[in-house]
């Protein structure tokens, strides 16, 4: 059974950085990533 025999699920969340406005998101990335406002992220934190 596809649902009940699944052992795990993997989720990928993609952030596109450096877009001041949603119109700057590349057309092939629309609806495939989140473009939060602001600058660089603190990756170690």
ModelCIF file with pLDDT and N, C-alpha, C, O atoms, coordinates in Angstrom:
data_MODEL
#
_entry.id   MODEL 
#
_entity.id                         1 
_entity.type                       polymer 
_entity.pdbx_number_of_molecules   1 
#
_entity_poly.entity_id                      1 
_entity_poly.type                           'polypeptide(L)' 
_entity_poly.nstd_linkage                   no 
_entity_poly.nstd_monomer                   no 
_entity_poly.pdbx_seq_one_letter_code       
;(UNK)(UNK)(UNK)(UNK)(UNK)(UNK)(UNK)(UNK)(UNK)(UNK)(UNK)(UNK)(UNK)(UNK)(UNK)(UNK)
(UNK)(UNK)(UNK)(UNK)(UNK)(UNK)(UNK)(UNK)(UNK)(UNK)(UNK)(UNK)(UNK)(UNK)(UNK)(UNK)
(UNK)(UNK)(UNK)(UNK)(UNK)(UNK)(UNK)(UNK)(UNK)(UNK)(UNK)(UNK)(UNK)
;
_entity_poly.pdbx_seq_one_letter_code_can   XXXXXXXXXXXXXXXXXXXXXXXXXXXXXXXXXXXXXXXXXXXXX 
_entity_poly.pdbx_strand_id                 A 
#
loop_
_entity_poly_seq.entity_id 
_entity_poly_seq.num 
_entity_poly_seq.mon_id 
_entity_poly_seq.hetero 
1 1  UNK n 
1 2  UNK n 
1 3  UNK n 
1 4  UNK n 
1 5  UNK n 
1 6  UNK n 
1 7  UNK n 
1 8  UNK n 
1 9  UNK n 
1 10 UNK n 
1 11 UNK n 
1 12 UNK n 
1 13 UNK n 
1 14 UNK n 
1 15 UNK n 
1 16 UNK n 
1 17 UNK n 
1 18 UNK n 
1 19 UNK n 
1 20 UNK n 
1 21 UNK n 
1 22 UNK n 
1 23 UNK n 
1 24 UNK n 
1 25 UNK n 
1 26 UNK n 
1 27 UNK n 
1 28 UNK n 
1 29 UNK n 
1 30 UNK n 
1 31 UNK n 
1 32 UNK n 
1 33 UNK n 
1 34 UNK n 
1 35 UNK n 
1 36 UNK n 
1 37 UNK n 
1 38 UNK n 
1 39 UNK n 
1 40 UNK n 
1 41 UNK n 
1 42 UNK n 
1 43 UNK n 
1 44 UNK n 
1 45 UNK n 
#
_struct_asym.id          A 
_struct_asym.entity_id   1 
#
loop_
_ma_qa_metric.id 
_ma_qa_metric.mode 
_ma_qa_metric.name 
_ma_qa_metric.software_group_id 
_ma_qa_metric.type 
1 global pLDDT . pLDDT 
2 local  pLDDT . pLDDT 
#
_ma_qa_metric_global.metric_id      1 
_ma_qa_metric_global.metric_value   81.33 
_ma_qa_metric_global.model_id       1 
_ma_qa_metric_global.ordinal_id     1 
#
loop_
_ma_qa_metric_local.label_asym_id 
_ma_qa_metric_local.label_comp_id 
_ma_qa_metric_local.label_seq_id 
_ma_qa_metric_local.metric_id 
_ma_qa_metric_local.metric_value 
_ma_qa_metric_local.model_id 
_ma_qa_metric_local.ordinal_id 
A UNK 1  2 87.00 1 1  
A UNK 2  2 84.00 1 2  
A UNK 3  2 83.00 1 3  
A UNK 4  2 85.00 1 4  
A UNK 5  2 84.00 1 5  
A UNK 6  2 80.00 1 6  
A UNK 7  2 81.00 1 7  
A UNK 8  2 80.00 1 8  
A UNK 9  2 79.00 1 9  
A UNK 10 2 80.00 1 10 
A UNK 11 2 80.00 1 11 
A UNK 12 2 81.00 1 12 
A UNK 13 2 81.00 1 13 
A UNK 14 2 82.00 1 14 
A UNK 15 2 82.00 1 15 
A UNK 16 2 82.00 1 16 
A UNK 17 2 80.00 1 17 
A UNK 18 2 77.00 1 18 
A UNK 19 2 78.00 1 19 
A UNK 20 2 76.00 1 20 
A UNK 21 2 77.00 1 21 
A UNK 22 2 78.00 1 22 
A UNK 23 2 81.00 1 23 
A UNK 24 2 80.00 1 24 
A UNK 25 2 80.00 1 25 
A UNK 26 2 81.00 1 26 
A UNK 27 2 82.00 1 27 
A UNK 28 2 78.00 1 28 
A UNK 29 2 79.00 1 29 
A UNK 30 2 78.00 1 30 
A UNK 31 2 77.00 1 31 
A UNK 32 2 79.00 1 32 
A UNK 33 2 82.00 1 33 
A UNK 34 2 81.00 1 34 
A UNK 35 2 82.00 1 35 
A UNK 36 2 82.00 1 36 
A UNK 37 2 79.00 1 37 
A UNK 38 2 76.00 1 38 
A UNK 39 2 76.00 1 39 
A UNK 40 2 81.00 1 40 
A UNK 41 2 84.00 1 41 
A UNK 42 2 89.00 1 42 
A UNK 43 2 89.00 1 43 
A UNK 44 2 93.00 1 44 
A UNK 45 2 94.00 1 45 
#
loop_
_atom_site.group_PDB 
_atom_site.id 
_atom_site.type_symbol 
_atom_site.label_atom_id 
_atom_site.label_alt_id 
_atom_site.label_comp_id 
_atom_site.label_asym_id 
_atom_site.label_entity_id 
_atom_site.label_seq_id 
_atom_site.pdbx_PDB_ins_code 
_atom_site.Cartn_x 
_atom_site.Cartn_y 
_atom_site.Cartn_z 
_atom_site.occupancy 
_atom_site.B_iso_or_equiv 
_atom_site.pdbx_formal_charge 
_atom_site.auth_seq_id 
_atom_site.auth_comp_id 
_atom_site.auth_asym_id 
_atom_site.auth_atom_id 
_atom_site.pdbx_PDB_model_num 
ATOM 1   N N  . UNK A 1 1  ? 0.871  -1.170 0.000   1.00 87.00 ? 1  UNK A N  1 
ATOM 2   C CA . UNK A 1 1  ? 0.000  0.000  0.000   1.00 87.00 ? 1  UNK A CA 1 
ATOM 3   C C  . UNK A 1 1  ? 0.912  1.225  0.000   1.00 87.00 ? 1  UNK A C  1 
ATOM 4   O O  . UNK A 1 1  ? 1.734  1.391  0.901   1.00 87.00 ? 1  UNK A O  1 
ATOM 5   N N  . UNK A 1 2  ? 0.766  2.084  -1.013  1.00 84.00 ? 2  UNK A N  1 
ATOM 6   C CA . UNK A 1 2  ? 1.667  3.232  -1.182  1.00 84.00 ? 2  UNK A CA 1 
ATOM 7   C C  . UNK A 1 2  ? 1.752  4.106  0.063   1.00 84.00 ? 2  UNK A C  1 
ATOM 8   O O  . UNK A 1 2  ? 2.832  4.588  0.404   1.00 84.00 ? 2  UNK A O  1 
ATOM 9   N N  . UNK A 1 3  ? 0.645  4.316  0.737   1.00 83.00 ? 3  UNK A N  1 
ATOM 10  C CA . UNK A 1 3  ? 0.658  5.199  1.905   1.00 83.00 ? 3  UNK A CA 1 
ATOM 11  C C  . UNK A 1 3  ? 1.178  4.495  3.152   1.00 83.00 ? 3  UNK A C  1 
ATOM 12  O O  . UNK A 1 3  ? 2.039  5.023  3.857   1.00 83.00 ? 3  UNK A O  1 
ATOM 13  N N  . UNK A 1 4  ? 0.654  3.306  3.420   1.00 85.00 ? 4  UNK A N  1 
ATOM 14  C CA . UNK A 1 4  ? 0.971  2.650  4.687   1.00 85.00 ? 4  UNK A CA 1 
ATOM 15  C C  . UNK A 1 4  ? 2.309  1.914  4.673   1.00 85.00 ? 4  UNK A C  1 
ATOM 16  O O  . UNK A 1 4  ? 2.839  1.593  5.737   1.00 85.00 ? 4  UNK A O  1 
ATOM 17  N N  . UNK A 1 5  ? 2.864  1.640  3.495   1.00 84.00 ? 5  UNK A N  1 
ATOM 18  C CA . UNK A 1 5  ? 4.167  0.985  3.416   1.00 84.00 ? 5  UNK A CA 1 
ATOM 19  C C  . UNK A 1 5  ? 5.315  1.991  3.294   1.00 84.00 ? 5  UNK A C  1 
ATOM 20  O O  . UNK A 1 5  ? 6.480  1.595  3.278   1.00 84.00 ? 5  UNK A O  1 
ATOM 21  N N  . UNK A 1 6  ? 5.006  3.263  3.209   1.00 80.00 ? 6  UNK A N  1 
ATOM 22  C CA . UNK A 1 6  ? 6.061  4.288  3.109   1.00 80.00 ? 6  UNK A CA 1 
ATOM 23  C C  . UNK A 1 6  ? 6.857  4.319  4.412   1.00 80.00 ? 6  UNK A C  1 
ATOM 24  O O  . UNK A 1 6  ? 6.279  4.389  5.496   1.00 80.00 ? 6  UNK A O  1 
ATOM 25  N N  . UNK A 1 7  ? 8.166  4.267  4.301   1.00 81.00 ? 7  UNK A N  1 
ATOM 26  C CA . UNK A 1 7  ? 9.023  4.278  5.480   1.00 81.00 ? 7  UNK A CA 1 
ATOM 27  C C  . UNK A 1 7  ? 9.391  5.692  5.911   1.00 81.00 ? 7  UNK A C  1 
ATOM 28  O O  . UNK A 1 7  ? 9.588  5.950  7.099   1.00 81.00 ? 7  UNK A O  1 
ATOM 29  N N  . UNK A 1 8  ? 9.485  6.603  4.956   1.00 80.00 ? 8  UNK A N  1 
ATOM 30  C CA . UNK A 1 8  ? 9.806  7.990  5.289   1.00 80.00 ? 8  UNK A CA 1 
ATOM 31  C C  . UNK A 1 8  ? 9.388  8.882  4.126   1.00 80.00 ? 8  UNK A C  1 
ATOM 32  O O  . UNK A 1 8  ? 9.045  8.404  3.045   1.00 80.00 ? 8  UNK A O  1 
ATOM 33  N N  . UNK A 1 9  ? 9.424  10.163 4.371   1.00 79.00 ? 9  UNK A N  1 
ATOM 34  C CA . UNK A 1 9  ? 9.139  11.164 3.350   1.00 79.00 ? 9  UNK A CA 1 
ATOM 35  C C  . UNK A 1 9  ? 10.211 12.237 3.452   1.00 79.00 ? 9  UNK A C  1 
ATOM 36  O O  . UNK A 1 9  ? 10.663 12.574 4.546   1.00 79.00 ? 9  UNK A O  1 
ATOM 37  N N  . UNK A 1 10 ? 10.609 12.763 2.320   1.00 80.00 ? 10 UNK A N  1 
ATOM 38  C CA . UNK A 1 10 ? 11.627 13.807 2.284   1.00 80.00 ? 10 UNK A CA 1 
ATOM 39  C C  . UNK A 1 10 ? 10.989 15.081 1.761   1.00 80.00 ? 10 UNK A C  1 
ATOM 40  O O  . UNK A 1 10 ? 10.276 15.057 0.757   1.00 80.00 ? 10 UNK A O  1 
ATOM 41  N N  . UNK A 1 11 ? 11.241 16.185 2.432   1.00 80.00 ? 11 UNK A N  1 
ATOM 42  C CA . UNK A 1 11 ? 10.705 17.482 2.041   1.00 80.00 ? 11 UNK A CA 1 
ATOM 43  C C  . UNK A 1 11 ? 11.857 18.416 1.739   1.00 80.00 ? 11 UNK A C  1 
ATOM 44  O O  . UNK A 1 11 ? 12.854 18.430 2.461   1.00 80.00 ? 11 UNK A O  1 
ATOM 45  N N  . UNK A 1 12 ? 11.730 19.198 0.678   1.00 81.00 ? 12 UNK A N  1 
ATOM 46  C CA . UNK A 1 12 ? 12.746 20.180 0.324   1.00 81.00 ? 12 UNK A CA 1 
ATOM 47  C C  . UNK A 1 12 ? 12.066 21.545 0.291   1.00 81.00 ? 12 UNK A C  1 
ATOM 48  O O  . UNK A 1 12 ? 11.067 21.741 -0.400  1.00 81.00 ? 12 UNK A O  1 
ATOM 49  N N  . UNK A 1 13 ? 12.621 22.474 1.045   1.00 81.00 ? 13 UNK A N  1 
ATOM 50  C CA . UNK A 1 13 ? 12.116 23.843 1.082   1.00 81.00 ? 13 UNK A CA 1 
ATOM 51  C C  . UNK A 1 13 ? 13.187 24.727 0.465   1.00 81.00 ? 13 UNK A C  1 
ATOM 52  O O  . UNK A 1 13 ? 14.318 24.763 0.949   1.00 81.00 ? 13 UNK A O  1 
ATOM 53  N N  . UNK A 1 14 ? 12.844 25.427 -0.584  1.00 82.00 ? 14 UNK A N  1 
ATOM 54  C CA . UNK A 1 14 ? 13.814 26.247 -1.307  1.00 82.00 ? 14 UNK A CA 1 
ATOM 55  C C  . UNK A 1 14 ? 13.545 27.731 -1.077  1.00 82.00 ? 14 UNK A C  1 
ATOM 56  O O  . UNK A 1 14 ? 12.418 28.203 -1.227  1.00 82.00 ? 14 UNK A O  1 
ATOM 57  N N  . UNK A 1 15 ? 14.609 28.462 -0.708  1.00 82.00 ? 15 UNK A N  1 
ATOM 58  C CA . UNK A 1 15 ? 14.519 29.897 -0.509  1.00 82.00 ? 15 UNK A CA 1 
ATOM 59  C C  . UNK A 1 15 ? 15.357 30.577 -1.586  1.00 82.00 ? 15 UNK A C  1 
ATOM 60  O O  . UNK A 1 15 ? 16.511 30.208 -1.803  1.00 82.00 ? 15 UNK A O  1 
ATOM 61  N N  . UNK A 1 16 ? 14.789 31.549 -2.249  1.00 82.00 ? 16 UNK A N  1 
ATOM 62  C CA . UNK A 1 16 ? 15.507 32.331 -3.252  1.00 82.00 ? 16 UNK A CA 1 
ATOM 63  C C  . UNK A 1 16 ? 15.803 33.688 -2.628  1.00 82.00 ? 16 UNK A C  1 
ATOM 64  O O  . UNK A 1 16 ? 14.885 34.440 -2.301  1.00 82.00 ? 16 UNK A O  1 
ATOM 65  N N  . UNK A 1 17 ? 17.076 33.996 -2.465  1.00 80.00 ? 17 UNK A N  1 
ATOM 66  C CA . UNK A 1 17 ? 17.478 35.222 -1.776  1.00 80.00 ? 17 UNK A CA 1 
ATOM 67  C C  . UNK A 1 17 ? 17.847 36.312 -2.771  1.00 80.00 ? 17 UNK A C  1 
ATOM 68  O O  . UNK A 1 17 ? 18.253 36.034 -3.899  1.00 80.00 ? 17 UNK A O  1 
ATOM 69  N N  . UNK A 1 18 ? 17.700 37.549 -2.337  1.00 77.00 ? 18 UNK A N  1 
ATOM 70  C CA . UNK A 1 18 ? 18.141 38.678 -3.141  1.00 77.00 ? 18 UNK A CA 1 
ATOM 71  C C  . UNK A 1 18 ? 17.082 39.269 -4.048  1.00 77.00 ? 18 UNK A C  1 
ATOM 72  O O  . UNK A 1 18 ? 17.403 40.129 -4.869  1.00 77.00 ? 18 UNK A O  1 
ATOM 73  N N  . UNK A 1 19 ? 15.839 38.848 -3.937  1.00 78.00 ? 19 UNK A N  1 
ATOM 74  C CA . UNK A 1 19 ? 14.761 39.421 -4.742  1.00 78.00 ? 19 UNK A CA 1 
ATOM 75  C C  . UNK A 1 19 ? 14.062 40.505 -3.922  1.00 78.00 ? 19 UNK A C  1 
ATOM 76  O O  . UNK A 1 19 ? 13.502 40.231 -2.861  1.00 78.00 ? 19 UNK A O  1 
ATOM 77  N N  . UNK A 1 20 ? 14.103 41.714 -4.421  1.00 76.00 ? 20 UNK A N  1 
ATOM 78  C CA . UNK A 1 20 ? 13.456 42.817 -3.712  1.00 76.00 ? 20 UNK A CA 1 
ATOM 79  C C  . UNK A 1 20 ? 11.943 42.784 -3.914  1.00 76.00 ? 20 UNK A C  1 
ATOM 80  O O  . UNK A 1 20 ? 11.197 43.324 -3.097  1.00 76.00 ? 20 UNK A O  1 
ATOM 81  N N  . UNK A 1 21 ? 11.486 42.154 -5.001  1.00 77.00 ? 21 UNK A N  1 
ATOM 82  C CA . UNK A 1 21 ? 10.059 42.106 -5.324  1.00 77.00 ? 21 UNK A CA 1 
ATOM 83  C C  . UNK A 1 21 ? 9.763  40.762 -5.994  1.00 77.00 ? 21 UNK A C  1 
ATOM 84  O O  . UNK A 1 21 ? 10.618 40.214 -6.690  1.00 77.00 ? 21 UNK A O  1 
ATOM 85  N N  . UNK A 1 22 ? 8.553  40.229 -5.784  1.00 78.00 ? 22 UNK A N  1 
ATOM 86  C CA . UNK A 1 22 ? 8.220  38.913 -6.338  1.00 78.00 ? 22 UNK A CA 1 
ATOM 87  C C  . UNK A 1 22 ? 8.313  38.861 -7.864  1.00 78.00 ? 22 UNK A C  1 
ATOM 88  O O  . UNK A 1 22 ? 8.450  37.779 -8.434  1.00 78.00 ? 22 UNK A O  1 
ATOM 89  N N  . UNK A 1 23 ? 8.242  40.011 -8.528  1.00 81.00 ? 23 UNK A N  1 
ATOM 90  C CA . UNK A 1 23 ? 8.359  40.035 -9.991  1.00 81.00 ? 23 UNK A CA 1 
ATOM 91  C C  . UNK A 1 23 ? 9.772  39.691 -10.458 1.00 81.00 ? 23 UNK A C  1 
ATOM 92  O O  . UNK A 1 23 ? 9.986  39.420 -11.640 1.00 81.00 ? 23 UNK A O  1 
ATOM 93  N N  . UNK A 1 24 ? 10.743 39.701 -9.531  1.00 80.00 ? 24 UNK A N  1 
ATOM 94  C CA . UNK A 1 24 ? 12.126 39.376 -9.880  1.00 80.00 ? 24 UNK A CA 1 
ATOM 95  C C  . UNK A 1 24 ? 12.405 37.880 -9.833  1.00 80.00 ? 24 UNK A C  1 
ATOM 96  O O  . UNK A 1 24 ? 13.492 37.447 -10.216 1.00 80.00 ? 24 UNK A O  1 
ATOM 97  N N  . UNK A 1 25 ? 11.457 37.092 -9.374  1.00 80.00 ? 25 UNK A N  1 
ATOM 98  C CA . UNK A 1 25 ? 11.649 35.637 -9.323  1.00 80.00 ? 25 UNK A CA 1 
ATOM 99  C C  . UNK A 1 25 ? 11.671 35.117 -10.754 1.00 80.00 ? 25 UNK A C  1 
ATOM 100 O O  . UNK A 1 25 ? 10.761 35.424 -11.525 1.00 80.00 ? 25 UNK A O  1 
ATOM 101 N N  . UNK A 1 26 ? 12.683 34.338 -11.132 1.00 81.00 ? 26 UNK A N  1 
ATOM 102 C CA . UNK A 1 26 ? 12.726 33.780 -12.489 1.00 81.00 ? 26 UNK A CA 1 
ATOM 103 C C  . UNK A 1 26 ? 11.454 32.990 -12.789 1.00 81.00 ? 26 UNK A C  1 
ATOM 104 O O  . UNK A 1 26 ? 10.904 32.332 -11.906 1.00 81.00 ? 26 UNK A O  1 
ATOM 105 N N  . UNK A 1 27 ? 10.999 33.057 -14.011 1.00 82.00 ? 27 UNK A N  1 
ATOM 106 C CA . UNK A 1 27 ? 9.717  32.453 -14.381 1.00 82.00 ? 27 UNK A CA 1 
ATOM 107 C C  . UNK A 1 27 ? 9.668  30.960 -14.058 1.00 82.00 ? 27 UNK A C  1 
ATOM 108 O O  . UNK A 1 27 ? 8.616  30.456 -13.662 1.00 82.00 ? 27 UNK A O  1 
ATOM 109 N N  . UNK A 1 28 ? 10.769 30.250 -14.215 1.00 78.00 ? 28 UNK A N  1 
ATOM 110 C CA . UNK A 1 28 ? 10.760 28.810 -13.955 1.00 78.00 ? 28 UNK A CA 1 
ATOM 111 C C  . UNK A 1 28 ? 10.871 28.470 -12.472 1.00 78.00 ? 28 UNK A C  1 
ATOM 112 O O  . UNK A 1 28 ? 10.779 27.303 -12.091 1.00 78.00 ? 28 UNK A O  1 
ATOM 113 N N  . UNK A 1 29 ? 11.068 29.481 -11.642 1.00 79.00 ? 29 UNK A N  1 
ATOM 114 C CA . UNK A 1 29 ? 11.134 29.274 -10.199 1.00 79.00 ? 29 UNK A CA 1 
ATOM 115 C C  . UNK A 1 29 ? 9.834  29.663 -9.502  1.00 79.00 ? 29 UNK A C  1 
ATOM 116 O O  . UNK A 1 29 ? 9.645  29.338 -8.330  1.00 79.00 ? 29 UNK A O  1 
ATOM 117 N N  . UNK A 1 30 ? 8.932  30.356 -10.208 1.00 78.00 ? 30 UNK A N  1 
ATOM 118 C CA . UNK A 1 30 ? 7.679  30.784 -9.587  1.00 78.00 ? 30 UNK A CA 1 
ATOM 119 C C  . UNK A 1 30 ? 6.919  29.584 -9.073  1.00 78.00 ? 30 UNK A C  1 
ATOM 120 O O  . UNK A 1 30 ? 6.841  28.561 -9.754  1.00 78.00 ? 30 UNK A O  1 
ATOM 121 N N  . UNK A 1 31 ? 6.374  29.688 -7.920  1.00 77.00 ? 31 UNK A N  1 
ATOM 122 C CA . UNK A 1 31 ? 5.609  28.626 -7.253  1.00 77.00 ? 31 UNK A CA 1 
ATOM 123 C C  . UNK A 1 31 ? 6.464  27.426 -6.871  1.00 77.00 ? 31 UNK A C  1 
ATOM 124 O O  . UNK A 1 31 ? 5.923  26.414 -6.426  1.00 77.00 ? 31 UNK A O  1 
ATOM 125 N N  . UNK A 1 32 ? 7.782  27.507 -7.029  1.00 79.00 ? 32 UNK A N  1 
ATOM 126 C CA . UNK A 1 32 ? 8.665  26.398 -6.651  1.00 79.00 ? 32 UNK A CA 1 
ATOM 127 C C  . UNK A 1 32 ? 9.613  26.778 -5.513  1.00 79.00 ? 32 UNK A C  1 
ATOM 128 O O  . UNK A 1 32 ? 10.368 25.939 -5.023  1.00 79.00 ? 32 UNK A O  1 
ATOM 129 N N  . UNK A 1 33 ? 9.570  28.029 -5.099  1.00 82.00 ? 33 UNK A N  1 
ATOM 130 C CA . UNK A 1 33 ? 10.440 28.462 -4.006  1.00 82.00 ? 33 UNK A CA 1 
ATOM 131 C C  . UNK A 1 33 ? 9.789  29.637 -3.298  1.00 82.00 ? 33 UNK A C  1 
ATOM 132 O O  . UNK A 1 33 ? 8.788  30.183 -3.763  1.00 82.00 ? 33 UNK A O  1 
ATOM 133 N N  . UNK A 1 34 ? 10.355 30.012 -2.192  1.00 81.00 ? 34 UNK A N  1 
ATOM 134 C CA . UNK A 1 34 ? 9.892  31.162 -1.423  1.00 81.00 ? 34 UNK A CA 1 
ATOM 135 C C  . UNK A 1 34 ? 10.995 32.209 -1.499  1.00 81.00 ? 34 UNK A C  1 
ATOM 136 O O  . UNK A 1 34 ? 12.168 31.884 -1.312  1.00 81.00 ? 34 UNK A O  1 
ATOM 137 N N  . UNK A 1 35 ? 10.641 33.441 -1.767  1.00 82.00 ? 35 UNK A N  1 
ATOM 138 C CA . UNK A 1 35 ? 11.611 34.526 -1.884  1.00 82.00 ? 35 UNK A CA 1 
ATOM 139 C C  . UNK A 1 35 ? 11.364 35.531 -0.763  1.00 82.00 ? 35 UNK A C  1 
ATOM 140 O O  . UNK A 1 35 ? 10.680 36.534 -0.968  1.00 82.00 ? 35 UNK A O  1 
ATOM 141 N N  . UNK A 1 36 ? 11.921 35.268 0.426   1.00 82.00 ? 36 UNK A N  1 
ATOM 142 C CA . UNK A 1 36 ? 11.707 36.202 1.540   1.00 82.00 ? 36 UNK A CA 1 
ATOM 143 C C  . UNK A 1 36 ? 12.480 37.494 1.325   1.00 82.00 ? 36 UNK A C  1 
ATOM 144 O O  . UNK A 1 36 ? 13.567 37.496 0.749   1.00 82.00 ? 36 UNK A O  1 
ATOM 145 N N  . UNK A 1 37 ? 11.906 38.583 1.795   1.00 79.00 ? 37 UNK A N  1 
ATOM 146 C CA . UNK A 1 37 ? 12.585 39.878 1.710   1.00 79.00 ? 37 UNK A CA 1 
ATOM 147 C C  . UNK A 1 37 ? 13.735 39.901 2.706   1.00 79.00 ? 37 UNK A C  1 
ATOM 148 O O  . UNK A 1 37 ? 13.722 39.168 3.695   1.00 79.00 ? 37 UNK A O  1 
ATOM 149 N N  . UNK A 1 38 ? 14.703 40.718 2.450   1.00 76.00 ? 38 UNK A N  1 
ATOM 150 C CA . UNK A 1 38 ? 15.813 40.857 3.386   1.00 76.00 ? 38 UNK A CA 1 
ATOM 151 C C  . UNK A 1 38 ? 17.115 40.409 2.752   1.00 76.00 ? 38 UNK A C  1 
ATOM 152 O O  . UNK A 1 38 ? 17.166 40.006 1.590   1.00 76.00 ? 38 UNK A O  1 
ATOM 153 N N  . UNK A 1 39 ? 18.147 40.493 3.542   1.00 76.00 ? 39 UNK A N  1 
ATOM 154 C CA . UNK A 1 39 ? 19.488 40.187 3.047   1.00 76.00 ? 39 UNK A CA 1 
ATOM 155 C C  . UNK A 1 39 ? 19.889 38.746 3.284   1.00 76.00 ? 39 UNK A C  1 
ATOM 156 O O  . UNK A 1 39 ? 19.060 37.836 3.298   1.00 76.00 ? 39 UNK A O  1 
ATOM 157 N N  . UNK A 1 40 ? 21.168 38.572 3.466   1.00 81.00 ? 40 UNK A N  1 
ATOM 158 C CA . UNK A 1 40 ? 21.753 37.242 3.640   1.00 81.00 ? 40 UNK A CA 1 
ATOM 159 C C  . UNK A 1 40 ? 21.248 36.594 4.933   1.00 81.00 ? 40 UNK A C  1 
ATOM 160 O O  . UNK A 1 40 ? 20.871 37.273 5.888   1.00 81.00 ? 40 UNK A O  1 
ATOM 161 N N  . UNK A 1 41 ? 21.254 35.284 4.926   1.00 84.00 ? 41 UNK A N  1 
ATOM 162 C CA . UNK A 1 41 ? 20.846 34.520 6.110   1.00 84.00 ? 41 UNK A CA 1 
ATOM 163 C C  . UNK A 1 41 ? 22.080 34.075 6.880   1.00 84.00 ? 41 UNK A C  1 
ATOM 164 O O  . UNK A 1 41 ? 23.153 33.896 6.303   1.00 84.00 ? 41 UNK A O  1 
ATOM 165 N N  . UNK A 1 42 ? 21.922 33.898 8.174   1.00 89.00 ? 42 UNK A N  1 
ATOM 166 C CA . UNK A 1 42 ? 23.011 33.429 9.021   1.00 89.00 ? 42 UNK A CA 1 
ATOM 167 C C  . UNK A 1 42 ? 22.954 31.898 9.024   1.00 89.00 ? 42 UNK A C  1 
ATOM 168 O O  . UNK A 1 42 ? 22.285 31.290 9.859   1.00 89.00 ? 42 UNK A O  1 
ATOM 169 N N  . UNK A 1 43 ? 23.665 31.293 8.080   1.00 89.00 ? 43 UNK A N  1 
ATOM 170 C CA . UNK A 1 43 ? 23.626 29.839 7.900   1.00 89.00 ? 43 UNK A CA 1 
ATOM 171 C C  . UNK A 1 43 ? 24.108 29.091 9.142   1.00 89.00 ? 43 UNK A C  1 
ATOM 172 O O  . UNK A 1 43 ? 23.446 28.136 9.549   1.00 89.00 ? 43 UNK A O  1 
ATOM 173 N N  . UNK A 1 44 ? 25.232 29.475 9.770   1.00 93.00 ? 44 UNK A N  1 
ATOM 174 C CA . UNK A 1 44 ? 25.653 28.756 10.981  1.00 93.00 ? 44 UNK A CA 1 
ATOM 175 C C  . UNK A 1 44 ? 24.598 28.792 12.084  1.00 93.00 ? 44 UNK A C  1 
ATOM 176 O O  . UNK A 1 44 ? 24.379 27.785 12.758  1.00 93.00 ? 44 UNK A O  1 
ATOM 177 N N  . UNK A 1 45 ? 23.942 29.937 12.279  1.00 94.00 ? 45 UNK A N  1 
ATOM 178 C CA . UNK A 1 45 ? 22.897 30.036 13.308  1.00 94.00 ? 45 UNK A CA 1 
ATOM 179 C C  . UNK A 1 45 ? 21.695 29.173 12.940  1.00 94.00 ? 45 UNK A C  1 
ATOM 180 O O  . UNK A 1 45 ? 20.716 29.128 13.685  1.00 94.00 ? 45 UNK A O  1 
#
